[in-house]
Amino acid sequence: MEIKPENYIEKIVREELDSLYKRDTTICKCPNCYQDIMTLTLNNLPAMYVSSDIGHIMTMFNLSKDQLQAQVLVELLKAIEKVRQNPRH
């Protein structure tokens, strides 16, 4: 069985962006804007690859979830504003 590494930060960014979409209907949800927001955000955060459930647990144990989510939220909001000012749709 092949184990595929997963960027744990990407998972958190997706969850936070989905949450922001629900709270702020002014954020464009088209595929281009979504990809641009994700890309800009992920490029400004450190990657954290895990390859198992234990890896997820250890990553969360070693990081403050609140601190990590705050960092993700700051970068997401910056990316949303940048995409809002220069949409590609």
N, C-alpha and C. Protein backbone atom coordinates (compact mmCIF):
# COMPACT_ATOMS: atom_id res chain seq x y z
N MET A 1 0.84 -1.18 0.00
CA MET A 1 0.00 0.00 0.00
C MET A 1 0.89 1.25 0.00
N GLU A 2 0.61 2.13 -0.92
CA GLU A 2 1.39 3.36 -1.04
C GLU A 2 0.84 4.43 -0.09
N ILE A 3 1.74 5.04 0.65
CA ILE A 3 1.34 6.11 1.57
C ILE A 3 1.68 7.43 0.90
N LYS A 4 0.68 8.29 0.77
CA LYS A 4 0.89 9.59 0.14
C LYS A 4 1.01 10.65 1.22
N PRO A 5 2.10 11.38 1.20
CA PRO A 5 2.23 12.48 2.16
C PRO A 5 1.16 13.55 1.89
N GLU A 6 0.70 14.15 2.94
CA GLU A 6 -0.33 15.19 2.84
C GLU A 6 0.17 16.43 3.57
N ASN A 7 -0.01 17.58 2.93
CA ASN A 7 0.37 18.84 3.57
C ASN A 7 -0.74 19.20 4.58
N TYR A 8 -0.41 19.05 5.85
CA TYR A 8 -1.40 19.30 6.90
C TYR A 8 -1.89 20.76 6.88
N ILE A 9 -1.00 21.67 6.53
CA ILE A 9 -1.38 23.09 6.46
C ILE A 9 -2.45 23.29 5.39
N GLU A 10 -2.34 22.58 4.27
CA GLU A 10 -3.34 22.72 3.21
C GLU A 10 -4.72 22.32 3.71
N LYS A 11 -4.77 21.27 4.50
CA LYS A 11 -6.04 20.83 5.08
C LYS A 11 -6.65 21.94 5.95
N ILE A 12 -5.84 22.55 6.77
CA ILE A 12 -6.32 23.63 7.65
C ILE A 12 -6.76 24.84 6.82
N VAL A 13 -5.99 25.18 5.78
CA VAL A 13 -6.34 26.32 4.92
C VAL A 13 -7.69 26.07 4.25
N ARG A 14 -7.89 24.87 3.72
CA ARG A 14 -9.18 24.54 3.08
C ARG A 14 -10.34 24.68 4.07
N GLU A 15 -10.16 24.15 5.28
CA GLU A 15 -11.22 24.23 6.29
C GLU A 15 -11.53 25.68 6.65
N GLU A 16 -10.48 26.48 6.84
CA GLU A 16 -10.68 27.89 7.21
C GLU A 16 -11.32 28.67 6.06
N LEU A 17 -10.90 28.39 4.82
CA LEU A 17 -11.48 29.09 3.68
C LEU A 17 -12.95 28.72 3.53
N ASP A 18 -13.29 27.45 3.71
CA ASP A 18 -14.70 27.03 3.66
C ASP A 18 -15.51 27.76 4.72
N SER A 19 -14.94 27.91 5.89
CA SER A 19 -15.61 28.63 6.98
C SER A 19 -15.81 30.10 6.62
N LEU A 20 -14.79 30.71 6.04
CA LEU A 20 -14.90 32.12 5.63
C LEU A 20 -15.95 32.30 4.54
N TYR A 21 -16.01 31.36 3.60
CA TYR A 21 -17.03 31.43 2.54
C TYR A 21 -18.43 31.44 3.13
N LYS A 22 -18.64 30.67 4.19
CA LYS A 22 -19.97 30.62 4.81
C LYS A 22 -20.31 31.92 5.53
N ARG A 23 -19.29 32.58 6.09
CA ARG A 23 -19.53 33.80 6.86
C ARG A 23 -19.52 35.07 6.01
N ASP A 24 -18.80 35.05 4.88
CA ASP A 24 -18.66 36.27 4.06
C ASP A 24 -19.06 35.96 2.62
N THR A 25 -20.27 36.34 2.27
CA THR A 25 -20.79 36.04 0.93
C THR A 25 -20.18 36.93 -0.15
N THR A 26 -19.35 37.91 0.23
CA THR A 26 -18.74 38.78 -0.78
C THR A 26 -17.46 38.17 -1.37
N ILE A 27 -16.96 37.08 -0.80
CA ILE A 27 -15.77 36.43 -1.34
C ILE A 27 -16.17 35.61 -2.57
N CYS A 28 -15.50 35.86 -3.68
CA CYS A 28 -15.80 35.14 -4.92
C CYS A 28 -15.44 33.67 -4.75
N LYS A 29 -16.36 32.81 -5.16
CA LYS A 29 -16.18 31.37 -5.02
C LYS A 29 -15.89 30.68 -6.34
N CYS A 30 -15.61 31.45 -7.40
CA CYS A 30 -15.33 30.82 -8.69
C CYS A 30 -14.03 30.01 -8.58
N PRO A 31 -13.86 29.01 -9.43
CA PRO A 31 -12.67 28.15 -9.35
C PRO A 31 -11.34 28.92 -9.44
N ASN A 32 -11.28 29.94 -10.29
CA ASN A 32 -10.04 30.71 -10.42
C ASN A 32 -9.70 31.44 -9.13
N CYS A 33 -10.66 32.11 -8.55
CA CYS A 33 -10.41 32.85 -7.30
C CYS A 33 -10.08 31.89 -6.17
N TYR A 34 -10.80 30.76 -6.10
CA TYR A 34 -10.52 29.77 -5.07
C TYR A 34 -9.07 29.29 -5.16
N GLN A 35 -8.65 28.92 -6.37
CA GLN A 35 -7.28 28.44 -6.56
C GLN A 35 -6.26 29.52 -6.25
N ASP A 36 -6.54 30.76 -6.65
CA ASP A 36 -5.61 31.85 -6.38
C ASP A 36 -5.48 32.11 -4.87
N ILE A 37 -6.60 32.08 -4.18
CA ILE A 37 -6.58 32.29 -2.72
C ILE A 37 -5.79 31.17 -2.04
N MET A 38 -6.07 29.93 -2.43
CA MET A 38 -5.36 28.79 -1.85
C MET A 38 -3.86 28.89 -2.13
N THR A 39 -3.50 29.18 -3.36
CA THR A 39 -2.09 29.23 -3.75
C THR A 39 -1.35 30.34 -3.02
N LEU A 40 -1.92 31.54 -3.02
CA LEU A 40 -1.28 32.66 -2.32
C LEU A 40 -1.11 32.35 -0.83
N THR A 41 -2.13 31.79 -0.23
CA THR A 41 -2.06 31.47 1.20
C THR A 41 -0.99 30.42 1.48
N LEU A 42 -1.03 29.33 0.73
CA LEU A 42 -0.08 28.24 0.97
C LEU A 42 1.36 28.65 0.70
N ASN A 43 1.56 29.54 -0.25
CA ASN A 43 2.92 30.01 -0.54
C ASN A 43 3.50 30.85 0.59
N ASN A 44 2.64 31.36 1.47
CA ASN A 44 3.10 32.20 2.57
C ASN A 44 3.08 31.49 3.93
N LEU A 45 2.86 30.18 3.90
CA LEU A 45 2.87 29.38 5.12
C LEU A 45 3.84 28.22 4.95
N PRO A 46 4.45 27.77 6.06
CA PRO A 46 5.36 26.62 5.94
C PRO A 46 4.56 25.34 5.71
N ALA A 47 5.07 24.50 4.82
CA ALA A 47 4.42 23.20 4.59
C ALA A 47 4.72 22.28 5.77
N MET A 48 3.74 21.44 6.10
CA MET A 48 3.91 20.45 7.17
C MET A 48 3.32 19.14 6.66
N TYR A 49 4.19 18.31 6.11
CA TYR A 49 3.72 17.05 5.53
C TYR A 49 3.65 15.96 6.57
N VAL A 50 2.54 15.21 6.52
CA VAL A 50 2.35 14.04 7.36
C VAL A 50 1.92 12.89 6.46
N SER A 51 2.18 11.68 6.89
CA SER A 51 1.81 10.53 6.05
C SER A 51 0.96 9.51 6.80
N SER A 52 0.48 9.87 7.98
CA SER A 52 -0.36 8.94 8.74
C SER A 52 -1.20 9.71 9.75
N ASP A 53 -2.16 9.02 10.32
CA ASP A 53 -2.97 9.62 11.37
C ASP A 53 -2.10 9.99 12.57
N ILE A 54 -1.10 9.16 12.85
CA ILE A 54 -0.19 9.46 13.96
C ILE A 54 0.57 10.74 13.67
N GLY A 55 0.93 10.94 12.39
CA GLY A 55 1.59 12.18 12.00
C GLY A 55 0.72 13.39 12.27
N HIS A 56 -0.59 13.27 11.97
CA HIS A 56 -1.53 14.36 12.26
C HIS A 56 -1.56 14.65 13.76
N ILE A 57 -1.63 13.59 14.54
CA ILE A 57 -1.71 13.75 16.00
C ILE A 57 -0.43 14.41 16.53
N MET A 58 0.72 13.94 16.05
CA MET A 58 1.99 14.50 16.51
C MET A 58 2.13 15.97 16.09
N THR A 59 1.69 16.28 14.87
CA THR A 59 1.76 17.67 14.41
C THR A 59 0.92 18.56 15.29
N MET A 60 -0.30 18.13 15.61
CA MET A 60 -1.18 18.93 16.46
C MET A 60 -0.62 19.04 17.88
N PHE A 61 0.02 17.98 18.35
CA PHE A 61 0.60 17.99 19.69
C PHE A 61 1.73 19.01 19.76
N ASN A 62 2.53 19.08 18.70
CA ASN A 62 3.70 19.96 18.68
C ASN A 62 3.36 21.41 18.36
N LEU A 63 2.19 21.66 17.87
CA LEU A 63 1.79 23.02 17.50
C LEU A 63 0.59 23.46 18.32
N SER A 64 0.54 24.71 18.56
CA SER A 64 -0.66 25.26 19.18
C SER A 64 -1.70 25.44 18.09
N LYS A 65 -2.81 24.73 18.19
CA LYS A 65 -3.86 24.81 17.16
C LYS A 65 -4.34 26.25 17.00
N ASP A 66 -4.51 26.97 18.09
CA ASP A 66 -4.96 28.35 18.01
C ASP A 66 -3.95 29.22 17.28
N GLN A 67 -2.68 29.04 17.59
CA GLN A 67 -1.64 29.83 16.95
C GLN A 67 -1.59 29.53 15.45
N LEU A 68 -1.68 28.26 15.10
CA LEU A 68 -1.63 27.84 13.71
C LEU A 68 -2.84 28.38 12.95
N GLN A 69 -4.02 28.28 13.53
CA GLN A 69 -5.22 28.79 12.87
C GLN A 69 -5.17 30.31 12.72
N ALA A 70 -4.60 30.99 13.68
CA ALA A 70 -4.47 32.44 13.58
C ALA A 70 -3.54 32.81 12.42
N GLN A 71 -2.43 32.08 12.31
CA GLN A 71 -1.48 32.32 11.21
C GLN A 71 -2.16 32.07 9.87
N VAL A 72 -2.90 30.97 9.77
CA VAL A 72 -3.61 30.63 8.54
C VAL A 72 -4.63 31.71 8.21
N LEU A 73 -5.38 32.15 9.20
CA LEU A 73 -6.41 33.16 8.98
C LEU A 73 -5.80 34.47 8.49
N VAL A 74 -4.70 34.90 9.06
CA VAL A 74 -4.03 36.13 8.62
C VAL A 74 -3.65 36.02 7.16
N GLU A 75 -3.02 34.91 6.78
CA GLU A 75 -2.58 34.73 5.40
C GLU A 75 -3.76 34.59 4.44
N LEU A 76 -4.83 33.93 4.90
CA LEU A 76 -6.03 33.81 4.07
C LEU A 76 -6.65 35.17 3.79
N LEU A 77 -6.76 35.99 4.82
CA LEU A 77 -7.36 37.31 4.65
C LEU A 77 -6.53 38.18 3.72
N LYS A 78 -5.22 38.08 3.82
CA LYS A 78 -4.34 38.82 2.89
C LYS A 78 -4.57 38.35 1.45
N ALA A 79 -4.63 37.03 1.27
CA ALA A 79 -4.82 36.47 -0.07
C ALA A 79 -6.18 36.84 -0.64
N ILE A 80 -7.21 36.79 0.19
CA ILE A 80 -8.56 37.15 -0.26
C ILE A 80 -8.58 38.59 -0.74
N GLU A 81 -7.96 39.48 0.00
CA GLU A 81 -7.94 40.89 -0.38
C GLU A 81 -7.17 41.09 -1.68
N LYS A 82 -6.06 40.41 -1.83
CA LYS A 82 -5.25 40.52 -3.04
C LYS A 82 -6.03 40.02 -4.27
N VAL A 83 -6.70 38.88 -4.11
CA VAL A 83 -7.49 38.32 -5.21
C VAL A 83 -8.69 39.21 -5.50
N ARG A 84 -9.28 39.76 -4.45
CA ARG A 84 -10.43 40.65 -4.62
C ARG A 84 -10.03 41.88 -5.45
N GLN A 85 -8.84 42.38 -5.26
CA GLN A 85 -8.36 43.54 -6.00
C GLN A 85 -7.91 43.20 -7.42
N ASN A 86 -7.55 41.93 -7.65
CA ASN A 86 -7.05 41.51 -8.98
C ASN A 86 -7.64 40.16 -9.38
N PRO A 87 -8.95 40.07 -9.54
CA PRO A 87 -9.56 38.77 -9.89
C PRO A 87 -9.20 38.36 -11.32
N ARG A 88 -9.13 37.03 -11.55
CA ARG A 88 -8.83 36.52 -12.89
C ARG A 88 -10.06 35.96 -13.60
N HIS A 89 -11.26 36.20 -13.09
CA HIS A 89 -12.46 35.64 -13.75
C HIS A 89 -13.02 36.57 -14.79
